[in-house]
Amino acid sequence: MTGAKTDFLCSEGVQELLKLTNRQFVGWDASLRTVSGQTTDAGDAMDLWHILSFLALQPGLKVEKKLAFGSIKIASLKPETIRKYVAKAQRLGFVATIDSMGSRHIQLTSTGIAVVAETMQHWIDDFGQVQQTYFPAEPHTRPSGMAVGSRRA
């Protein structure tokens, strides 16, 4: 099975997909800098992505502040480190602390919404082009036996 997985990873389509994925995060970092007017550290861009995309998944684009730091899951980061990144996102203008219905929430700002939405639109367009070019609509089998485009149950 390893040979089939190696062949899959080395296929032209998957190679283009990997290159595109890397370019997308370069674009995300550039969007952060353009919108905030500040340079982000190399690791900060990914952590900010996790925070902003987490909030984008929440009803009303907000989460109760006392629950937020335990709810946002970023690999190997402790809640106090996540708190630091939320504070950075707030300083950059991407999130705000608001009082709502008797409790405090962190919420995406219009700037945060814009940068996530713009990034997602670029990703949809770019990944769609790779899919159309390298992964036709007719299903074919991946090395794991799962058809391209299918989901595991």
C-alpha atoms as a PDB file:
ATOM      1  CA  MET A   1       0.000   0.000   0.000  1.00  0.00           C
ATOM      2  CA  THR A   2       2.931   2.346   0.601  1.00  0.00           C
ATOM      3  CA  GLY A   3       3.856   2.299  -3.081  1.00  0.00           C
ATOM      4  CA  ALA A   4       0.343   3.348  -4.081  1.00  0.00           C
ATOM      5  CA  LYS A   5       0.379   6.167  -1.525  1.00  0.00           C
ATOM      6  CA  THR A   6       3.784   7.307  -2.763  1.00  0.00           C
ATOM      7  CA  ASP A   7       2.510   7.274  -6.342  1.00  0.00           C
ATOM      8  CA  PHE A   8      -0.547   9.272  -5.224  1.00  0.00           C
ATOM      9  CA  LEU A   9       1.607  11.887  -3.448  1.00  0.00           C
ATOM     10  CA  CYS A  10       3.912  12.139  -6.435  1.00  0.00           C
ATOM     11  CA  SER A  11       1.085  12.529  -8.949  1.00  0.00           C
ATOM     12  CA  GLU A  12       1.022  15.811 -10.817  1.00  0.00           C
ATOM     13  CA  GLY A  13      -2.373  16.803  -9.415  1.00  0.00           C
ATOM     14  CA  VAL A  14      -1.429  16.189  -5.792  1.00  0.00           C
ATOM     15  CA  GLN A  15       1.884  17.991  -6.295  1.00  0.00           C
ATOM     16  CA  GLU A  16      -0.003  21.017  -7.661  1.00  0.00           C
ATOM     17  CA  LEU A  17      -2.438  20.816  -4.750  1.00  0.00           C
ATOM     18  CA  LEU A  18       0.430  20.814  -2.238  1.00  0.00           C
ATOM     19  CA  LYS A  19       2.088  23.784  -3.950  1.00  0.00           C
ATOM     20  CA  LEU A  20      -1.237  25.625  -4.007  1.00  0.00           C
ATOM     21  CA  THR A  21      -1.843  24.938  -0.310  1.00  0.00           C
ATOM     22  CA  ASN A  22       1.530  26.453   0.556  1.00  0.00           C
ATOM     23  CA  ARG A  23       0.842  29.491  -1.644  1.00  0.00           C
ATOM     24  CA  GLN A  24      -2.527  29.976   0.034  1.00  0.00           C
ATOM     25  CA  PHE A  25      -0.929  30.489   3.425  1.00  0.00           C
ATOM     26  CA  VAL A  26       1.536  32.953   1.927  1.00  0.00           C
ATOM     27  CA  GLY A  27      -1.516  34.792   0.584  1.00  0.00           C
ATOM     28  CA  TRP A  28      -3.206  34.645   3.998  1.00  0.00           C
ATOM     29  CA  ASP A  29      -0.139  36.204   5.618  1.00  0.00           C
ATOM     30  CA  ALA A  30      -0.064  38.914   2.941  1.00  0.00           C
ATOM     31  CA  SER A  31      -3.767  39.667   3.536  1.00  0.00           C
ATOM     32  CA  LEU A  32      -3.140  39.983   7.270  1.00  0.00           C
ATOM     33  CA  ARG A  33      -0.319  42.453   6.611  1.00  0.00           C
ATOM     34  CA  THR A  34      -2.299  44.425   4.042  1.00  0.00           C
ATOM     35  CA  VAL A  35      -5.373  44.772   6.245  1.00  0.00           C
ATOM     36  CA  SER A  36      -3.574  45.410   9.541  1.00  0.00           C
ATOM     37  CA  GLY A  37      -0.650  47.391   8.147  1.00  0.00           C
ATOM     38  CA  GLN A  38       1.642  45.327  10.371  1.00  0.00           C
ATOM     39  CA  THR A  39       4.031  42.465   9.791  1.00  0.00           C
ATOM     40  CA  THR A  40       3.141  39.187  11.470  1.00  0.00           C
ATOM     41  CA  ASP A  41       5.703  36.722  12.723  1.00  0.00           C
ATOM     42  CA  ALA A  42       5.994  33.508  10.718  1.00  0.00           C
ATOM     43  CA  GLY A  43       4.105  31.340  13.210  1.00  0.00           C
ATOM     44  CA  ASP A  44       1.529  33.988  14.050  1.00  0.00           C
ATOM     45  CA  ALA A  45      -0.209  33.829  10.682  1.00  0.00           C
ATOM     46  CA  MET A  46      -1.251  30.205  11.189  1.00  0.00           C
ATOM     47  CA  ASP A  47      -2.364  30.803  14.774  1.00  0.00           C
ATOM     48  CA  LEU A  48      -4.358  33.863  13.727  1.00  0.00           C
ATOM     49  CA  TRP A  49      -5.964  31.769  10.989  1.00  0.00           C
ATOM     50  CA  HIS A  50      -7.087  29.198  13.554  1.00  0.00           C
ATOM     51  CA  ILE A  51      -8.586  31.876  15.791  1.00  0.00           C
ATOM     52  CA  LEU A  52     -10.351  33.841  13.057  1.00  0.00           C
ATOM     53  CA  SER A  53     -11.644  30.735  11.281  1.00  0.00           C
ATOM     54  CA  PHE A  54     -12.884  29.336  14.622  1.00  0.00           C
ATOM     55  CA  LEU A  55     -14.882  32.518  15.162  1.00  0.00           C
ATOM     56  CA  ALA A  56     -16.168  32.383  11.577  1.00  0.00           C
ATOM     57  CA  LEU A  57     -17.676  28.981  12.383  1.00  0.00           C
ATOM     58  CA  GLN A  58     -19.571  30.245  15.437  1.00  0.00           C
ATOM     59  CA  PRO A  59     -23.194  31.440  15.397  1.00  0.00           C
ATOM     60  CA  GLY A  60     -23.120  35.228  15.083  1.00  0.00           C
ATOM     61  CA  LEU A  61     -19.339  35.020  14.481  1.00  0.00           C
ATOM     62  CA  LYS A  62     -18.766  35.241  18.239  1.00  0.00           C
ATOM     63  CA  VAL A  63     -18.167  33.080  21.276  1.00  0.00           C
ATOM     64  CA  GLU A  64     -18.535  33.736  24.977  1.00  0.00           C
ATOM     65  CA  LYS A  65     -15.156  34.970  26.168  1.00  0.00           C
ATOM     66  CA  LYS A  66     -14.916  32.731  29.243  1.00  0.00           C
ATOM     67  CA  LEU A  67     -15.475  29.691  27.003  1.00  0.00           C
ATOM     68  CA  ALA A  68     -13.336  30.830  24.096  1.00  0.00           C
ATOM     69  CA  PHE A  69      -9.902  29.960  25.367  1.00  0.00           C
ATOM     70  CA  GLY A  70     -10.849  26.372  26.082  1.00  0.00           C
ATOM     71  CA  SER A  71     -12.902  26.047  22.871  1.00  0.00           C
ATOM     72  CA  ILE A  72     -10.357  27.232  20.334  1.00  0.00           C
ATOM     73  CA  LYS A  73      -8.186  24.233  19.548  1.00  0.00           C
ATOM     74  CA  ILE A  74      -4.795  24.908  18.045  1.00  0.00           C
ATOM     75  CA  ALA A  75      -2.412  21.979  18.058  1.00  0.00           C
ATOM     76  CA  SER A  76      -0.158  21.978  21.123  1.00  0.00           C
ATOM     77  CA  LEU A  77      -1.122  25.480  22.308  1.00  0.00           C
ATOM     78  CA  LYS A  78      -2.319  25.973  25.841  1.00  0.00           C
ATOM     79  CA  PRO A  79      -5.287  28.225  26.631  1.00  0.00           C
ATOM     80  CA  GLU A  80      -2.992  31.008  27.911  1.00  0.00           C
ATOM     81  CA  THR A  81      -1.105  30.995  24.608  1.00  0.00           C
ATOM     82  CA  ILE A  82      -4.391  31.111  22.701  1.00  0.00           C
ATOM     83  CA  ARG A  83      -5.372  34.059  24.917  1.00  0.00           C
ATOM     84  CA  LYS A  84      -2.200  35.822  23.742  1.00  0.00           C
ATOM     85  CA  TYR A  85      -3.115  35.283  20.076  1.00  0.00           C
ATOM     86  CA  VAL A  86      -6.691  36.454  20.633  1.00  0.00           C
ATOM     87  CA  ALA A  87      -5.234  39.623  22.196  1.00  0.00           C
ATOM     88  CA  LYS A  88      -2.978  40.045  19.148  1.00  0.00           C
ATOM     89  CA  ALA A  89      -5.958  39.580  16.811  1.00  0.00           C
ATOM     90  CA  GLN A  90      -7.746  42.237  18.819  1.00  0.00           C
ATOM     91  CA  ARG A  91      -4.789  44.659  18.594  1.00  0.00           C
ATOM     92  CA  LEU A  92      -4.711  44.098  14.832  1.00  0.00           C
ATOM     93  CA  GLY A  93      -8.421  44.896  14.614  1.00  0.00           C
ATOM     94  CA  PHE A  94      -9.640  41.442  13.579  1.00  0.00           C
ATOM     95  CA  VAL A  95     -11.627  40.650  16.743  1.00  0.00           C
ATOM     96  CA  ALA A  96     -13.314  42.707  19.418  1.00  0.00           C
ATOM     97  CA  THR A  97     -14.560  42.054  22.923  1.00  0.00           C
ATOM     98  CA  ILE A  98     -18.220  42.958  23.175  1.00  0.00           C
ATOM     99  CA  ASP A  99     -20.838  42.866  25.916  1.00  0.00           C
ATOM    100  CA  SER A 100     -23.910  41.000  24.769  1.00  0.00           C
ATOM    101  CA  MET A 101     -26.859  39.662  26.718  1.00  0.00           C
ATOM    102  CA  GLY A 102     -25.109  40.114  30.065  1.00  0.00           C
ATOM    103  CA  SER A 103     -21.866  38.384  29.135  1.00  0.00           C
ATOM    104  CA  ARG A 104     -18.638  39.198  27.326  1.00  0.00           C
ATOM    105  CA  HIS A 105     -17.938  37.750  23.904  1.00  0.00           C
ATOM    106  CA  ILE A 106     -15.111  37.851  21.427  1.00  0.00           C
ATOM    107  CA  GLN A 107     -16.387  38.491  17.939  1.00  0.00           C
ATOM    108  CA  LEU A 108     -14.991  38.952  14.462  1.00  0.00           C
ATOM    109  CA  THR A 109     -14.921  42.610  13.454  1.00  0.00           C
ATOM    110  CA  SER A 110     -15.866  43.764   9.968  1.00  0.00           C
ATOM    111  CA  THR A 111     -12.132  43.747   9.201  1.00  0.00           C
ATOM    112  CA  GLY A 112     -11.778  40.181  10.473  1.00  0.00           C
ATOM    113  CA  ILE A 113     -14.813  39.110   8.468  1.00  0.00           C
ATOM    114  CA  ALA A 114     -13.398  40.744   5.332  1.00  0.00           C
ATOM    115  CA  VAL A 115      -9.965  39.129   5.580  1.00  0.00           C
ATOM    116  CA  VAL A 116     -11.383  35.627   6.216  1.00  0.00           C
ATOM    117  CA  ALA A 117     -14.048  35.954   3.494  1.00  0.00           C
ATOM    118  CA  GLU A 118     -11.559  37.261   0.929  1.00  0.00           C
ATOM    119  CA  THR A 119      -9.108  34.492   1.753  1.00  0.00           C
ATOM    120  CA  MET A 120     -11.807  31.829   1.497  1.00  0.00           C
ATOM    121  CA  GLN A 121     -12.934  33.168  -1.888  1.00  0.00           C
ATOM    122  CA  HIS A 122      -9.366  32.956  -3.208  1.00  0.00           C
ATOM    123  CA  TRP A 123      -9.036  29.413  -1.855  1.00  0.00           C
ATOM    124  CA  ILE A 124     -12.332  28.314  -3.417  1.00  0.00           C
ATOM    125  CA  ASP A 125     -11.345  29.754  -6.799  1.00  0.00           C
ATOM    126  CA  ASP A 126      -7.796  28.377  -6.759  1.00  0.00           C
ATOM    127  CA  PHE A 127      -8.625  24.924  -5.384  1.00  0.00           C
ATOM    128  CA  GLY A 128     -11.537  24.681  -7.845  1.00  0.00           C
ATOM    129  CA  GLN A 129      -9.126  25.247 -10.728  1.00  0.00           C
ATOM    130  CA  VAL A 130      -6.803  22.494  -9.478  1.00  0.00           C
ATOM    131  CA  GLN A 131      -9.764  20.149  -9.007  1.00  0.00           C
ATOM    132  CA  GLN A 132     -11.038  20.792 -12.548  1.00  0.00           C
ATOM    133  CA  THR A 133      -7.578  20.374 -14.055  1.00  0.00           C
ATOM    134  CA  TYR A 134      -6.318  17.312 -12.195  1.00  0.00           C
ATOM    135  CA  PHE A 135      -9.286  15.583 -10.544  1.00  0.00           C
ATOM    136  CA  PRO A 136     -12.136  15.033 -13.029  1.00  0.00           C
ATOM    137  CA  ALA A 137     -15.728  14.638 -11.855  1.00  0.00           C
ATOM    138  CA  GLU A 138     -15.714  10.896 -12.459  1.00  0.00           C
ATOM    139  CA  PRO A 139     -14.599   9.170  -9.254  1.00  0.00           C
ATOM    140  CA  HIS A 140     -11.370   7.274  -9.188  1.00  0.00           C
ATOM    141  CA  THR A 141      -9.838   5.438  -6.296  1.00  0.00           C
ATOM    142  CA  ARG A 142      -7.282   6.783  -3.868  1.00  0.00           C
ATOM    143  CA  PRO A 143      -4.579   4.533  -2.470  1.00  0.00           C
ATOM    144  CA  SER A 144      -6.649   4.041   0.705  1.00  0.00           C
ATOM    145  CA  GLY A 145      -9.472   2.607  -1.404  1.00  0.00           C
ATOM    146  CA  MET A 146     -11.606   5.714  -0.887  1.00  0.00           C
ATOM    147  CA  ALA A 147     -12.978   7.337  -4.031  1.00  0.00           C
ATOM    148  CA  VAL A 148     -11.789  10.894  -4.734  1.00  0.00           C
ATOM    149  CA  GLY A 149     -14.425  13.294  -3.512  1.00  0.00           C
ATOM    150  CA  SER A 150     -16.039  10.820  -1.134  1.00  0.00           C
ATOM    151  CA  ARG A 151     -16.075  11.172   2.622  1.00  0.00           C
ATOM    152  CA  ARG A 152     -15.457   8.546   5.205  1.00  0.00           C
ATOM    153  CA  ALA A 153     -18.540   7.646   7.169  1.00  0.00           C
END
